[in-house]
Amino acid sequence: MNIAVAKKPVRDGEAVLFDRALEDLPSELRWRQWMGRIEAVLFASASQVSRDDLVCVVGQGVSVVMRIDDIQAELVGRPYKLVKVAADLGD
């Protein structure tokens, strides 16, 4: 396994551990990053994932439900789909 050390981004003198807002990106790239983060969590998880867990990777200001709808649309015609297993995904 290869491990690299990267300098942490700094904003206003404080290190940013995880940029949920992606403020420096144009809206299209922000949308794609949020989608990728949600997909990564969903497809890597061995069990169901709560909305709160997904909010942790994209931030409070992002509609997790809308991103899941977008992912569902991209999955049309593919051999898998996302399934809501609890009433946890309400916005």
PDB file of N, CA and C in Angstrom:
ATOM      1  N   MET A   1       0.845  -1.169   0.000  1.00  0.00           N
ATOM      2  CA  MET A   1       0.000   0.000   0.000  1.00  0.00           C
ATOM      3  C   MET A   1       0.891   1.233   0.000  1.00  0.00           C
ATOM      4  N   ASN A   2       0.530   2.214  -0.825  1.00  0.00           N
ATOM      5  CA  ASN A   2       1.241   3.481  -0.875  1.00  0.00           C
ATOM      6  C   ASN A   2       0.471   4.522  -0.093  1.00  0.00           C
ATOM      7  N   ILE A   3       1.181   5.279   0.706  1.00  0.00           N
ATOM      8  CA  ILE A   3       0.565   6.338   1.491  1.00  0.00           C
ATOM      9  C   ILE A   3       1.342   7.616   1.227  1.00  0.00           C
ATOM     10  N   ALA A   4       0.610   8.677   0.974  1.00  0.00           N
ATOM     11  CA  ALA A   4       1.244   9.970   0.738  1.00  0.00           C
ATOM     12  C   ALA A   4       0.752  10.962   1.768  1.00  0.00           C
ATOM     13  N   VAL A   5       1.580  11.921   2.065  1.00  0.00           N
ATOM     14  CA  VAL A   5       1.198  12.984   2.984  1.00  0.00           C
ATOM     15  C   VAL A   5       0.928  14.226   2.156  1.00  0.00           C
ATOM     16  N   ALA A   6      -0.214  14.826   2.382  1.00  0.00           N
ATOM     17  CA  ALA A   6      -0.569  16.049   1.655  1.00  0.00           C
ATOM     18  C   ALA A   6      -0.787  17.170   2.647  1.00  0.00           C
ATOM     19  N   LYS A   7      -0.451  18.346   2.227  1.00  0.00           N
ATOM     20  CA  LYS A   7      -0.673  19.516   3.066  1.00  0.00           C
ATOM     21  C   LYS A   7      -2.170  19.770   3.182  1.00  0.00           C
ATOM     22  N   LYS A   8      -2.640  19.986   4.388  1.00  0.00           N
ATOM     23  CA  LYS A   8      -4.051  20.269   4.615  1.00  0.00           C
ATOM     24  C   LYS A   8      -4.375  21.671   4.112  1.00  0.00           C
ATOM     25  N   PRO A   9      -5.528  21.820   3.455  1.00  0.00           N
ATOM     26  CA  PRO A   9      -5.919  23.175   3.042  1.00  0.00           C
ATOM     27  C   PRO A   9      -6.136  24.060   4.264  1.00  0.00           C
ATOM     28  N   VAL A  10      -5.811  25.327   4.112  1.00  0.00           N
ATOM     29  CA  VAL A  10      -5.980  26.269   5.216  1.00  0.00           C
ATOM     30  C   VAL A  10      -6.937  27.368   4.757  1.00  0.00           C
ATOM     31  N   ARG A  11      -7.909  27.678   5.609  1.00  0.00           N
ATOM     32  CA  ARG A  11      -8.869  28.735   5.309  1.00  0.00           C
ATOM     33  C   ARG A  11      -8.986  29.605   6.550  1.00  0.00           C
ATOM     34  N   ASP A  12      -8.732  30.879   6.391  1.00  0.00           N
ATOM     35  CA  ASP A  12      -8.794  31.831   7.501  1.00  0.00           C
ATOM     36  C   ASP A  12      -7.918  31.401   8.673  1.00  0.00           C
ATOM     37  N   GLY A  13      -6.756  30.859   8.364  1.00  0.00           N
ATOM     38  CA  GLY A  13      -5.802  30.483   9.399  1.00  0.00           C
ATOM     39  C   GLY A  13      -6.067  29.143  10.058  1.00  0.00           C
ATOM     40  N   GLU A  14      -7.181  28.487   9.718  1.00  0.00           N
ATOM     41  CA  GLU A  14      -7.505  27.180  10.301  1.00  0.00           C
ATOM     42  C   GLU A  14      -7.423  26.105   9.240  1.00  0.00           C
ATOM     43  N   ALA A  15      -6.897  24.949   9.618  1.00  0.00           N
ATOM     44  CA  ALA A  15      -6.833  23.831   8.688  1.00  0.00           C
ATOM     45  C   ALA A  15      -8.238  23.318   8.412  1.00  0.00           C
ATOM     46  N   VAL A  16      -8.519  23.054   7.152  1.00  0.00           N
ATOM     47  CA  VAL A  16      -9.810  22.501   6.751  1.00  0.00           C
ATOM     48  C   VAL A  16      -9.627  20.998   6.584  1.00  0.00           C
ATOM     49  N   LEU A  17     -10.298  20.229   7.431  1.00  0.00           N
ATOM     50  CA  LEU A  17     -10.127  18.786   7.373  1.00  0.00           C
ATOM     51  C   LEU A  17     -10.925  18.167   6.237  1.00  0.00           C
ATOM     52  N   PHE A  18     -12.113  18.665   5.974  1.00  0.00           N
ATOM     53  CA  PHE A  18     -12.963  18.096   4.936  1.00  0.00           C
ATOM     54  C   PHE A  18     -13.883  19.192   4.429  1.00  0.00           C
ATOM     55  N   ASP A  19     -13.705  19.600   3.198  1.00  0.00           N
ATOM     56  CA  ASP A  19     -14.481  20.708   2.635  1.00  0.00           C
ATOM     57  C   ASP A  19     -15.817  20.193   2.112  1.00  0.00           C
ATOM     58  N   ARG A  20     -16.868  20.293   2.923  1.00  0.00           N
ATOM     59  CA  ARG A  20     -18.189  19.818   2.511  1.00  0.00           C
ATOM     60  C   ARG A  20     -18.857  20.780   1.530  1.00  0.00           C
ATOM     61  N   ALA A  21     -18.603  22.064   1.692  1.00  0.00           N
ATOM     62  CA  ALA A  21     -19.295  23.072   0.887  1.00  0.00           C
ATOM     63  C   ALA A  21     -18.736  23.181  -0.527  1.00  0.00           C
ATOM     64  N   LEU A  22     -17.488  22.827  -0.709  1.00  0.00           N
ATOM     65  CA  LEU A  22     -16.833  22.914  -2.025  1.00  0.00           C
ATOM     66  C   LEU A  22     -17.003  24.300  -2.635  1.00  0.00           C
ATOM     67  N   GLU A  23     -16.859  25.315  -1.819  1.00  0.00           N
ATOM     68  CA  GLU A  23     -17.108  26.696  -2.233  1.00  0.00           C
ATOM     69  C   GLU A  23     -16.243  27.157  -3.390  1.00  0.00           C
ATOM     70  N   ASP A  24     -15.067  26.569  -3.552  1.00  0.00           N
ATOM     71  CA  ASP A  24     -14.148  27.022  -4.593  1.00  0.00           C
ATOM     72  C   ASP A  24     -14.472  26.439  -5.971  1.00  0.00           C
ATOM     73  N   LEU A  25     -15.432  25.532  -6.050  1.00  0.00           N
ATOM     74  CA  LEU A  25     -15.761  24.882  -7.316  1.00  0.00           C
ATOM     75  C   LEU A  25     -16.980  25.523  -7.978  1.00  0.00           C
ATOM     76  N   PRO A  26     -17.017  25.507  -9.311  1.00  0.00           N
ATOM     77  CA  PRO A  26     -18.240  25.933 -10.007  1.00  0.00           C
ATOM     78  C   PRO A  26     -19.375  24.969  -9.672  1.00  0.00           C
ATOM     79  N   SER A  27     -20.615  25.419  -9.819  1.00  0.00           N
ATOM     80  CA  SER A  27     -21.765  24.621  -9.375  1.00  0.00           C
ATOM     81  C   SER A  27     -21.826  23.241 -10.013  1.00  0.00           C
ATOM     82  N   GLU A  28     -21.503  23.102 -11.282  1.00  0.00           N
ATOM     83  CA  GLU A  28     -21.554  21.792 -11.954  1.00  0.00           C
ATOM     84  C   GLU A  28     -20.549  20.818 -11.336  1.00  0.00           C
ATOM     85  N   LEU A  29     -19.348  21.305 -11.040  1.00  0.00           N
ATOM     86  CA  LEU A  29     -18.347  20.439 -10.414  1.00  0.00           C
ATOM     87  C   LEU A  29     -18.713  20.116  -8.970  1.00  0.00           C
ATOM     88  N   ARG A  30     -19.308  21.089  -8.271  1.00  0.00           N
ATOM     89  CA  ARG A  30     -19.790  20.832  -6.903  1.00  0.00           C
ATOM     90  C   ARG A  30     -20.821  19.711  -6.912  1.00  0.00           C
ATOM     91  N   TRP A  31     -21.796  19.809  -7.828  1.00  0.00           N
ATOM     92  CA  TRP A  31     -22.834  18.794  -7.952  1.00  0.00           C
ATOM     93  C   TRP A  31     -22.207  17.425  -8.198  1.00  0.00           C
ATOM     94  N   ARG A  32     -21.242  17.346  -9.116  1.00  0.00           N
ATOM     95  CA  ARG A  32     -20.591  16.078  -9.447  1.00  0.00           C
ATOM     96  C   ARG A  32     -19.827  15.534  -8.241  1.00  0.00           C
ATOM     97  N   GLN A  33     -19.150  16.382  -7.496  1.00  0.00           N
ATOM     98  CA  GLN A  33     -18.414  15.941  -6.308  1.00  0.00           C
ATOM     99  C   GLN A  33     -19.362  15.400  -5.250  1.00  0.00           C
ATOM    100  N   TRP A  34     -20.462  16.115  -5.010  1.00  0.00           N
ATOM    101  CA  TRP A  34     -21.433  15.643  -4.021  1.00  0.00           C
ATOM    102  C   TRP A  34     -22.017  14.301  -4.450  1.00  0.00           C
ATOM    103  N   MET A  35     -22.330  14.168  -5.732  1.00  0.00           N
ATOM    104  CA  MET A  35     -22.854  12.891  -6.244  1.00  0.00           C
ATOM    105  C   MET A  35     -21.828  11.781  -6.017  1.00  0.00           C
ATOM    106  N   GLY A  36     -20.588  12.049  -6.340  1.00  0.00           N
ATOM    107  CA  GLY A  36     -19.532  11.050  -6.172  1.00  0.00           C
ATOM    108  C   GLY A  36     -19.345  10.641  -4.725  1.00  0.00           C
ATOM    109  N   ARG A  37     -19.442  11.601  -3.822  1.00  0.00           N
ATOM    110  CA  ARG A  37     -19.293  11.286  -2.399  1.00  0.00           C
ATOM    111  C   ARG A  37     -20.437  10.395  -1.915  1.00  0.00           C
ATOM    112  N   ILE A  38     -21.658  10.735  -2.319  1.00  0.00           N
ATOM    113  CA  ILE A  38     -22.804   9.918  -1.909  1.00  0.00           C
ATOM    114  C   ILE A  38     -22.712   8.525  -2.517  1.00  0.00           C
ATOM    115  N   GLU A  39     -22.381   8.446  -3.802  1.00  0.00           N
ATOM    116  CA  GLU A  39     -22.235   7.147  -4.449  1.00  0.00           C
ATOM    117  C   GLU A  39     -21.174   6.304  -3.751  1.00  0.00           C
ATOM    118  N   ALA A  40     -20.053   6.911  -3.421  1.00  0.00           N
ATOM    119  CA  ALA A  40     -18.968   6.171  -2.776  1.00  0.00           C
ATOM    120  C   ALA A  40     -19.425   5.566  -1.455  1.00  0.00           C
ATOM    121  N   VAL A  41     -20.131   6.353  -0.656  1.00  0.00           N
ATOM    122  CA  VAL A  41     -20.610   5.853   0.635  1.00  0.00           C
ATOM    123  C   VAL A  41     -21.637   4.746   0.425  1.00  0.00           C
ATOM    124  N   LEU A  42     -22.590   4.964  -0.467  1.00  0.00           N
ATOM    125  CA  LEU A  42     -23.649   3.974  -0.692  1.00  0.00           C
ATOM    126  C   LEU A  42     -23.107   2.658  -1.226  1.00  0.00           C
ATOM    127  N   PHE A  43     -22.234   2.726  -2.221  1.00  0.00           N
ATOM    128  CA  PHE A  43     -21.753   1.509  -2.849  1.00  0.00           C
ATOM    129  C   PHE A  43     -20.649   0.813  -2.050  1.00  0.00           C
ATOM    130  N   ALA A  44     -20.012   1.514  -1.141  1.00  0.00           N
ATOM    131  CA  ALA A  44     -18.980   0.896  -0.317  1.00  0.00           C
ATOM    132  C   ALA A  44     -19.539   0.300   0.968  1.00  0.00           C
ATOM    133  N   SER A  45     -20.743   0.678   1.324  1.00  0.00           N
ATOM    134  CA  SER A  45     -21.323   0.226   2.585  1.00  0.00           C
ATOM    135  C   SER A  45     -21.879  -1.189   2.475  1.00  0.00           C
ATOM    136  N   ALA A  46     -21.635  -1.986   3.499  1.00  0.00           N
ATOM    137  CA  ALA A  46     -22.170  -3.343   3.538  1.00  0.00           C
ATOM    138  C   ALA A  46     -23.594  -3.366   4.091  1.00  0.00           C
ATOM    139  N   SER A  47     -24.053  -2.233   4.606  1.00  0.00           N
ATOM    140  CA  SER A  47     -25.409  -2.158   5.152  1.00  0.00           C
ATOM    141  C   SER A  47     -26.054  -0.844   4.730  1.00  0.00           C
ATOM    142  N   GLN A  48     -27.305  -0.669   5.099  1.00  0.00           N
ATOM    143  CA  GLN A  48     -28.002   0.558   4.718  1.00  0.00           C
ATOM    144  C   GLN A  48     -27.313   1.780   5.308  1.00  0.00           C
ATOM    145  N   VAL A  49     -27.467   2.898   4.627  1.00  0.00           N
ATOM    146  CA  VAL A  49     -26.823   4.149   5.024  1.00  0.00           C
ATOM    147  C   VAL A  49     -27.913   5.156   5.348  1.00  0.00           C
ATOM    148  N   SER A  50     -27.797   5.810   6.478  1.00  0.00           N
ATOM    149  CA  SER A  50     -28.813   6.788   6.878  1.00  0.00           C
ATOM    150  C   SER A  50     -28.580   8.125   6.180  1.00  0.00           C
ATOM    151  N   ARG A  51     -29.631   8.903   6.118  1.00  0.00           N
ATOM    152  CA  ARG A  51     -29.541  10.249   5.559  1.00  0.00           C
ATOM    153  C   ARG A  51     -28.526  11.076   6.348  1.00  0.00           C
ATOM    154  N   ASP A  52     -28.520  10.938   7.661  1.00  0.00           N
ATOM    155  CA  ASP A  52     -27.576  11.688   8.494  1.00  0.00           C
ATOM    156  C   ASP A  52     -26.131  11.356   8.133  1.00  0.00           C
ATOM    157  N   ASP A  53     -25.866  10.084   7.836  1.00  0.00           N
ATOM    158  CA  ASP A  53     -24.512   9.698   7.421  1.00  0.00           C
ATOM    159  C   ASP A  53     -24.139  10.364   6.103  1.00  0.00           C
ATOM    160  N   LEU A  54     -25.093  10.436   5.183  1.00  0.00           N
ATOM    161  CA  LEU A  54     -24.818  11.073   3.893  1.00  0.00           C
ATOM    162  C   LEU A  54     -24.628  12.577   4.044  1.00  0.00           C
ATOM    163  N   VAL A  55     -25.385  13.188   4.940  1.00  0.00           N
ATOM    164  CA  VAL A  55     -25.223  14.623   5.198  1.00  0.00           C
ATOM    165  C   VAL A  55     -23.807  14.909   5.709  1.00  0.00           C
ATOM    166  N   CYS A  56     -23.226  13.982   6.431  1.00  0.00           N
ATOM    167  CA  CYS A  56     -21.863  14.170   6.950  1.00  0.00           C
ATOM    168  C   CYS A  56     -20.833  14.314   5.833  1.00  0.00           C
ATOM    169  N   VAL A  57     -21.078  13.703   4.685  1.00  0.00           N
ATOM    170  CA  VAL A  57     -20.101  13.795   3.601  1.00  0.00           C
ATOM    171  C   VAL A  57     -20.379  14.921   2.615  1.00  0.00           C
ATOM    172  N   VAL A  58     -21.592  15.493   2.649  1.00  0.00           N
ATOM    173  CA  VAL A  58     -21.895  16.591   1.720  1.00  0.00           C
ATOM    174  C   VAL A  58     -22.266  17.889   2.405  1.00  0.00           C
ATOM    175  N   GLY A  59     -22.605  17.869   3.664  1.00  0.00           N
ATOM    176  CA  GLY A  59     -22.939  19.097   4.365  1.00  0.00           C
ATOM    177  C   GLY A  59     -24.429  19.358   4.453  1.00  0.00           C
ATOM    178  N   GLN A  60     -24.806  20.178   5.410  1.00  0.00           N
ATOM    179  CA  GLN A  60     -26.203  20.474   5.702  1.00  0.00           C
ATOM    180  C   GLN A  60     -26.913  21.208   4.567  1.00  0.00           C
ATOM    181  N   GLY A  61     -26.202  22.008   3.810  1.00  0.00           N
ATOM    182  CA  GLY A  61     -26.837  22.815   2.782  1.00  0.00           C
ATOM    183  C   GLY A  61     -27.142  22.081   1.487  1.00  0.00           C
ATOM    184  N   VAL A  62     -26.805  20.806   1.417  1.00  0.00           N
ATOM    185  CA  VAL A  62     -26.998  20.025   0.196  1.00  0.00           C
ATOM    186  C   VAL A  62     -28.195  19.104   0.375  1.00  0.00           C
ATOM    187  N   SER A  63     -29.072  19.056  -0.609  1.00  0.00           N
ATOM    188  CA  SER A  63     -30.219  18.161  -0.541  1.00  0.00           C
ATOM    189  C   SER A  63     -29.786  16.745  -0.905  1.00  0.00           C
ATOM    190  N   VAL A  64     -29.683  15.903   0.101  1.00  0.00           N
ATOM    191  CA  VAL A  64     -29.307  14.508  -0.108  1.00  0.00           C
ATOM    192  C   VAL A  64     -30.362  13.820  -0.973  1.00  0.00           C
ATOM    193  N   VAL A  65     -31.620  14.121  -0.739  1.00  0.00           N
ATOM    194  CA  VAL A  65     -32.705  13.498  -1.504  1.00  0.00           C
ATOM    195  C   VAL A  65     -32.569  13.832  -2.985  1.00  0.00           C
ATOM    196  N   MET A  66     -32.272  15.085  -3.305  1.00  0.00           N
ATOM    197  CA  MET A  66     -32.104  15.474  -4.710  1.00  0.00           C
ATOM    198  C   MET A  66     -30.906  14.772  -5.333  1.00  0.00           C
ATOM    199  N   ARG A  67     -29.816  14.637  -4.598  1.00  0.00           N
ATOM    200  CA  ARG A  67     -28.639  13.946  -5.136  1.00  0.00           C
ATOM    201  C   ARG A  67     -28.955  12.463  -5.358  1.00  0.00           C
ATOM    202  N   ILE A  68     -29.717  11.854  -4.450  1.00  0.00           N
ATOM    203  CA  ILE A  68     -30.092  10.448  -4.626  1.00  0.00           C
ATOM    204  C   ILE A  68     -30.997  10.299  -5.848  1.00  0.00           C
ATOM    205  N   ASP A  69     -31.906  11.232  -6.040  1.00  0.00           N
ATOM    206  CA  ASP A  69     -32.745  11.208  -7.244  1.00  0.00           C
ATOM    207  C   ASP A  69     -31.882  11.298  -8.501  1.00  0.00           C
ATOM    208  N   ASP A  70     -30.866  12.147  -8.475  1.00  0.00           N
ATOM    209  CA  ASP A  70     -29.952  12.281  -9.609  1.00  0.00           C
ATOM    210  C   ASP A  70     -29.196  10.977  -9.864  1.00  0.00           C
ATOM    211  N   ILE A  71     -28.746  10.341  -8.785  1.00  0.00           N
ATOM    212  CA  ILE A  71     -28.038   9.066  -8.920  1.00  0.00           C
ATOM    213  C   ILE A  71     -28.978   8.012  -9.507  1.00  0.00           C
ATOM    214  N   GLN A  72     -30.216   7.965  -9.003  1.00  0.00           N
ATOM    215  CA  GLN A  72     -31.201   7.020  -9.531  1.00  0.00           C
ATOM    216  C   GLN A  72     -31.378   7.210 -11.030  1.00  0.00           C
ATOM    217  N   ALA A  73     -31.468   8.447 -11.469  1.00  0.00           N
ATOM    218  CA  ALA A  73     -31.639   8.733 -12.899  1.00  0.00           C
ATOM    219  C   ALA A  73     -30.447   8.225 -13.703  1.00  0.00           C
ATOM    220  N   GLU A  74     -29.262   8.346 -13.164  1.00  0.00           N
ATOM    221  CA  GLU A  74     -28.064   7.864 -13.861  1.00  0.00           C
ATOM    222  C   GLU A  74     -27.987   6.338 -13.887  1.00  0.00           C
ATOM    223  N   LEU A  75     -28.653   5.681 -12.944  1.00  0.00           N
ATOM    224  CA  LEU A  75     -28.603   4.222 -12.863  1.00  0.00           C
ATOM    225  C   LEU A  75     -29.627   3.525 -13.758  1.00  0.00           C
ATOM    226  N   VAL A  76     -30.508   4.278 -14.397  1.00  0.00           N
ATOM    227  CA  VAL A  76     -31.524   3.679 -15.276  1.00  0.00           C
ATOM    228  C   VAL A  76     -30.810   2.874 -16.369  1.00  0.00           C
ATOM    229  N   GLY A  77     -31.243   1.645 -16.537  1.00  0.00           N
ATOM    230  CA  GLY A  77     -30.643   0.769 -17.537  1.00  0.00           C
ATOM    231  C   GLY A  77     -29.424   0.014 -17.059  1.00  0.00           C
ATOM    232  N   ARG A  78     -29.006   0.240 -15.845  1.00  0.00           N
ATOM    233  CA  ARG A  78     -27.868  -0.490 -15.275  1.00  0.00           C
ATOM    234  C   ARG A  78     -28.391  -1.617 -14.391  1.00  0.00           C
ATOM    235  N   PRO A  79     -27.558  -2.581 -14.057  1.00  0.00           N
ATOM    236  CA  PRO A  79     -28.054  -3.766 -13.341  1.00  0.00           C
ATOM    237  C   PRO A  79     -28.270  -3.588 -11.836  1.00  0.00           C
ATOM    238  N   TYR A  80     -28.312  -2.380 -11.344  1.00  0.00           N
ATOM    239  CA  TYR A  80     -28.564  -2.149  -9.923  1.00  0.00           C
ATOM    240  C   TYR A  80     -29.346  -0.858  -9.744  1.00  0.00           C
ATOM    241  N   LYS A  81     -29.940  -0.710  -8.564  1.00  0.00           N
ATOM    242  CA  LYS A  81     -30.708   0.491  -8.263  1.00  0.00           C
ATOM    243  C   LYS A  81     -30.596   0.777  -6.769  1.00  0.00           C
ATOM    244  N   LEU A  82     -30.912   1.993  -6.398  1.00  0.00           N
ATOM    245  CA  LEU A  82     -30.947   2.370  -4.987  1.00  0.00           C
ATOM    246  C   LEU A  82     -32.344   2.078  -4.462  1.00  0.00           C
ATOM    247  N   VAL A  83     -32.417   1.592  -3.246  1.00  0.00           N
ATOM    248  CA  VAL A  83     -33.693   1.246  -2.654  1.00  0.00           C
ATOM    249  C   VAL A  83     -33.820   1.927  -1.306  1.00  0.00           C
ATOM    250  N   LYS A  84     -34.937   2.616  -1.116  1.00  0.00           N
ATOM    251  CA  LYS A  84     -35.217   3.241   0.175  1.00  0.00           C
ATOM    252  C   LYS A  84     -35.719   2.157   1.105  1.00  0.00           C
ATOM    253  N   VAL A  85     -35.037   1.961   2.234  1.00  0.00           N
ATOM    254  CA  VAL A  85     -35.402   0.884   3.144  1.00  0.00           C
ATOM    255  C   VAL A  85     -35.998   1.389   4.437  1.00  0.00           C
ATOM    256  N   ALA A  86     -36.043   2.701   4.608  1.00  0.00           N
ATOM    257  CA  ALA A  86     -36.613   3.284   5.828  1.00  0.00           C
ATOM    258  C   ALA A  86     -37.116   4.674   5.504  1.00  0.00           C
ATOM    259  N   ALA A  87     -37.921   5.229   6.383  1.00  0.00           N
ATOM    260  CA  ALA A  87     -38.461   6.576   6.181  1.00  0.00           C
ATOM    261  C   ALA A  87     -37.455   7.612   6.632  1.00  0.00           C
ATOM    262  N   ASP A  88     -36.185   7.409   6.310  1.00  0.00           N
ATOM    263  CA  ASP A  88     -35.096   8.267   6.784  1.00  0.00           C
ATOM    264  C   ASP A  88     -34.710   9.331   5.772  1.00  0.00           C
ATOM    265  N   LEU A  89     -35.187   9.296   4.552  1.00  0.00           N
ATOM    266  CA  LEU A  89     -34.685  10.172   3.511  1.00  0.00           C
ATOM    267  C   LEU A  89     -35.549  11.390   3.241  1.00  0.00           C
ATOM    268  N   GLY A  90     -36.435  11.751   4.137  1.00  0.00           N
ATOM    269  CA  GLY A  90     -37.249  12.950   3.931  1.00  0.00           C
ATOM    270  C   GLY A  90     -36.440  14.210   4.081  1.00  0.00           C
ATOM    271  N   ASP A  91     -36.734  15.188   3.254  1.00  0.00           N
ATOM    272  CA  ASP A  91     -36.019  16.480   3.355  1.00  0.00           C
ATOM    273  C   ASP A  91     -36.767  17.431   4.236  1.00  0.00           C
TER     274      ASP A  91
END
